[in-house]
Amino acid sequence: GRSEGDRNDQPISSDPATITISQATQYSLTVTNSGETFSYTPTLNISYTASGGSGTGEVTYTVNDVSVGTIDVLTAPDKGTYEIVATKAGDRNYQSNGPSDPATITITKSDQDTLSISNLGSYAYSPSLTLDFIAVGGSGTGAITYQVNEENVTSALLIAPSSGVYNISVTRAGDINFNAADVSGVITIIKA
């Protein structure tokens, strides 16, 4: 600025002063849901958000070290452990922040839907009798295997069975998201 001085002084002027304001450090950033465990379902969606940080910078995420941008939902995740990390961009007043400490979300296998066997019951003997005993229900992609009287069979058919009791067992193997399931029942062939 300029001073007019008084009767004894001459006017003076100063050089301009430069003031630098640096970007501040953001508050710490965390991701919600850390430590939570969910059972798999095909319709499972888990939202997560970053809390903390400062300023108006955009929040982006990585899931298991893969950038997912601003997406903040795990959509139908398979069984496994997911580590979610957030980063908040800087803005005019704040430095960028992150990555945050990982938030860990775990998805566990689920039990399958009820598994049943069709055509159980009692039937009269006939030399032309053919019965199928198909597995119905269950979940996932696991293979289905059949046993008749504790013997593995390649098809779910009884062709011209003799009179007697047939103990039927069906197993649907587990897969990445579902536990194995099994069911048993009886088909009885009655003498004609």
Protein backbone atom coordinates (compact mmCIF):
# COMPACT_ATOMS: atom_id res chain seq x y z
CA GLY A 1 0.00 0.00 0.00
CA ARG A 2 0.97 3.62 -0.03
CA SER A 3 1.38 5.90 2.90
CA GLU A 4 0.88 9.64 2.47
CA GLY A 5 3.41 10.45 5.10
CA ASP A 6 3.23 13.39 7.49
CA ARG A 7 4.96 16.77 7.47
CA ASN A 8 8.34 15.26 8.10
CA ASP A 9 8.16 12.12 5.97
CA GLN A 10 8.03 11.57 2.30
CA PRO A 11 5.35 9.21 0.84
CA ILE A 12 6.52 5.60 0.54
CA SER A 13 5.31 2.51 -1.26
CA SER A 14 6.04 -1.20 -0.62
CA ASP A 15 6.55 -4.16 -2.89
CA PRO A 16 3.48 -6.38 -3.33
CA ALA A 17 3.30 -9.25 -0.81
CA THR A 18 2.54 -12.78 -2.00
CA ILE A 19 0.50 -15.07 0.27
CA THR A 20 0.37 -18.76 -0.63
CA ILE A 21 -2.42 -20.95 0.72
CA SER A 22 -1.67 -24.64 0.32
CA GLN A 23 -4.20 -27.43 -0.06
CA ALA A 24 -5.14 -28.97 3.27
CA THR A 25 -5.02 -32.64 4.15
CA GLN A 26 -8.41 -34.35 4.12
CA TYR A 27 -9.87 -36.09 7.14
CA SER A 28 -9.43 -39.89 7.11
CA LEU A 29 -11.57 -41.92 4.70
CA THR A 30 -13.29 -45.21 5.59
CA VAL A 31 -15.59 -47.63 3.76
CA THR A 32 -18.77 -48.94 5.41
CA ASN A 33 -19.72 -52.63 5.87
CA SER A 34 -16.21 -53.74 6.83
CA GLY A 35 -16.23 -57.12 8.51
CA GLU A 36 -19.77 -58.03 7.44
CA THR A 37 -20.69 -61.50 6.20
CA PHE A 38 -23.58 -62.33 3.86
CA SER A 39 -24.97 -65.63 2.55
CA TYR A 40 -25.04 -65.91 -1.23
CA THR A 41 -28.31 -65.37 -3.09
CA PRO A 42 -28.59 -64.67 -6.82
CA THR A 43 -30.30 -61.35 -6.03
CA LEU A 44 -27.83 -60.16 -3.39
CA ASN A 45 -26.74 -56.53 -3.79
CA ILE A 46 -24.52 -54.96 -1.14
CA SER A 47 -24.12 -51.18 -1.07
CA TYR A 48 -21.04 -49.62 0.46
CA THR A 49 -20.06 -46.00 0.88
CA ALA A 50 -17.04 -43.99 1.85
CA SER A 51 -17.34 -41.74 4.86
CA GLY A 52 -15.00 -39.04 5.98
CA GLY A 53 -12.65 -37.14 3.75
CA SER A 54 -13.01 -33.44 3.05
CA GLY A 55 -14.01 -31.22 0.18
CA THR A 56 -15.88 -31.90 -3.03
CA GLY A 57 -13.56 -34.43 -4.73
CA GLU A 58 -15.09 -37.50 -6.37
CA VAL A 59 -14.90 -40.81 -4.51
CA THR A 60 -13.80 -43.85 -6.52
CA TYR A 61 -13.42 -47.46 -5.46
CA THR A 62 -11.41 -50.59 -6.16
CA VAL A 63 -12.75 -54.07 -5.40
CA ASN A 64 -10.07 -56.76 -5.03
CA ASP A 65 -7.57 -54.40 -6.72
CA VAL A 66 -9.81 -53.80 -9.75
CA SER A 67 -11.00 -50.24 -10.32
CA VAL A 68 -14.79 -49.96 -10.43
CA GLY A 69 -14.91 -46.15 -10.63
CA THR A 70 -17.80 -44.64 -8.71
CA ILE A 71 -19.81 -47.89 -8.54
CA ASP A 72 -20.70 -48.47 -4.90
CA VAL A 73 -22.62 -51.77 -5.08
CA LEU A 74 -21.52 -55.42 -5.21
CA THR A 75 -24.11 -56.95 -7.54
CA ALA A 76 -24.81 -60.70 -7.13
CA PRO A 77 -21.29 -61.41 -5.85
CA ASP A 78 -20.14 -65.04 -5.78
CA LYS A 79 -18.85 -66.68 -2.62
CA GLY A 80 -15.57 -65.14 -1.59
CA THR A 81 -13.89 -62.25 0.17
CA TYR A 82 -14.08 -58.76 -1.29
CA GLU A 83 -11.69 -55.98 -0.27
CA ILE A 84 -13.04 -52.53 -1.05
CA VAL A 85 -10.81 -49.48 -1.00
CA ALA A 86 -11.90 -45.86 -1.50
CA THR A 87 -9.95 -42.88 -2.80
CA LYS A 88 -11.26 -39.31 -2.71
CA ALA A 89 -9.91 -36.89 -5.29
CA GLY A 90 -8.55 -33.55 -4.24
CA ASP A 91 -10.22 -30.26 -5.07
CA ARG A 92 -9.18 -26.62 -4.94
CA ASN A 93 -8.77 -26.71 -1.17
CA TYR A 94 -7.85 -30.31 -0.31
CA GLN A 95 -5.25 -32.82 -1.40
CA SER A 96 -6.40 -36.20 -2.66
CA ASN A 97 -7.09 -38.77 0.05
CA GLY A 98 -6.53 -42.47 -0.04
CA PRO A 99 -6.44 -45.20 -0.53
CA SER A 100 -8.48 -45.98 2.57
CA ASP A 101 -7.88 -49.06 4.67
CA PRO A 102 -9.61 -52.01 2.98
CA ALA A 103 -13.14 -52.86 4.03
CA THR A 104 -13.63 -56.62 3.90
CA ILE A 105 -16.99 -58.13 2.95
CA THR A 106 -17.38 -61.92 2.94
CA ILE A 107 -19.93 -63.92 0.96
CA THR A 108 -20.53 -67.49 2.17
CA LYS A 109 -22.15 -70.45 0.44
CA SER A 110 -25.89 -70.92 0.91
CA ASP A 111 -27.96 -74.03 1.31
CA GLN A 112 -29.78 -75.08 -1.83
CA ASP A 113 -33.52 -74.78 -2.27
CA THR A 114 -35.41 -77.91 -1.26
CA LEU A 115 -34.50 -80.95 -3.35
CA SER A 116 -37.16 -83.60 -3.92
CA ILE A 117 -37.70 -86.74 -5.98
CA SER A 118 -40.62 -87.18 -8.35
CA ASN A 119 -42.78 -90.32 -8.54
CA LEU A 120 -42.07 -91.81 -5.13
CA GLY A 121 -44.74 -94.17 -3.84
CA SER A 122 -46.21 -97.62 -4.45
CA TYR A 123 -46.91 -99.18 -7.82
CA ALA A 124 -48.33 -102.54 -8.95
CA TYR A 125 -45.88 -104.80 -10.71
CA SER A 126 -46.12 -104.93 -14.49
CA PRO A 127 -43.53 -106.21 -16.96
CA SER A 128 -44.05 -103.01 -18.97
CA LEU A 129 -43.69 -100.66 -15.97
CA THR A 130 -41.12 -97.92 -16.37
CA LEU A 131 -40.73 -95.32 -13.62
CA ASP A 132 -38.59 -92.21 -13.68
CA PHE A 133 -37.54 -90.62 -10.41
CA ILE A 134 -36.29 -87.19 -11.38
CA ALA A 135 -34.67 -84.77 -8.97
CA VAL A 136 -36.70 -81.60 -8.61
CA GLY A 137 -35.44 -78.36 -7.07
CA GLY A 138 -32.09 -77.63 -5.57
CA SER A 139 -29.95 -74.67 -6.61
CA GLY A 140 -26.83 -73.89 -8.53
CA THR A 141 -24.91 -75.78 -11.17
CA GLY A 142 -23.82 -78.87 -9.23
CA ALA A 143 -24.12 -82.27 -10.93
CA ILE A 144 -27.00 -84.56 -9.95
CA THR A 145 -26.26 -88.18 -9.11
CA TYR A 146 -28.65 -91.02 -8.34
CA GLN A 147 -28.47 -94.22 -6.32
CA VAL A 148 -30.89 -97.13 -6.11
CA ASN A 149 -30.42 -99.35 -3.06
CA GLU A 150 -27.01 -97.70 -2.49
CA GLU A 151 -25.78 -98.50 -6.01
CA ASN A 152 -24.88 -95.67 -8.39
CA VAL A 153 -27.07 -95.60 -11.48
CA THR A 154 -26.55 -93.66 -14.72
CA SER A 155 -30.21 -92.89 -15.34
CA ALA A 156 -33.13 -92.05 -13.11
CA LEU A 157 -35.27 -94.95 -14.37
CA LEU A 158 -36.62 -98.19 -13.03
CA ILE A 159 -37.42 -100.38 -16.05
CA ALA A 160 -39.65 -103.41 -15.39
CA PRO A 161 -38.65 -103.52 -11.72
CA SER A 162 -39.35 -106.66 -9.73
CA SER A 163 -41.57 -106.46 -6.69
CA GLY A 164 -39.80 -105.03 -3.66
CA VAL A 165 -38.58 -101.82 -2.06
CA TYR A 166 -36.25 -99.47 -3.94
CA ASN A 167 -34.44 -96.90 -1.81
CA ILE A 168 -33.77 -93.90 -4.01
CA SER A 169 -31.09 -91.33 -3.12
CA VAL A 170 -30.37 -88.16 -5.04
CA THR A 171 -27.45 -85.79 -4.48
CA ARG A 172 -26.96 -82.43 -6.09
CA ALA A 173 -23.32 -81.43 -5.71
CA GLY A 174 -22.39 -78.04 -4.37
CA ASP A 175 -20.82 -75.36 -6.53
CA ILE A 176 -19.06 -72.06 -5.89
CA ASN A 177 -22.15 -70.57 -4.20
CA PHE A 178 -24.18 -73.50 -2.85
CA ASN A 179 -23.59 -76.37 -0.44
CA ALA A 180 -24.39 -79.92 -1.58
CA ALA A 181 -27.94 -81.19 -1.05
CA ASP A 182 -29.36 -84.68 -0.88
CA VAL A 183 -32.69 -86.35 -0.49
CA SER A 184 -33.94 -89.92 -0.32
CA GLY A 185 -37.23 -91.72 -0.69
CA VAL A 186 -38.79 -95.04 -1.47
CA ILE A 187 -40.50 -96.60 -4.47
CA THR A 188 -42.33 -99.83 -3.64
CA ILE A 189 -43.34 -102.32 -6.31
CA ILE A 190 -46.24 -104.50 -5.14
CA LYS A 191 -46.80 -108.00 -6.49
CA ALA A 192 -49.61 -108.07 -9.01
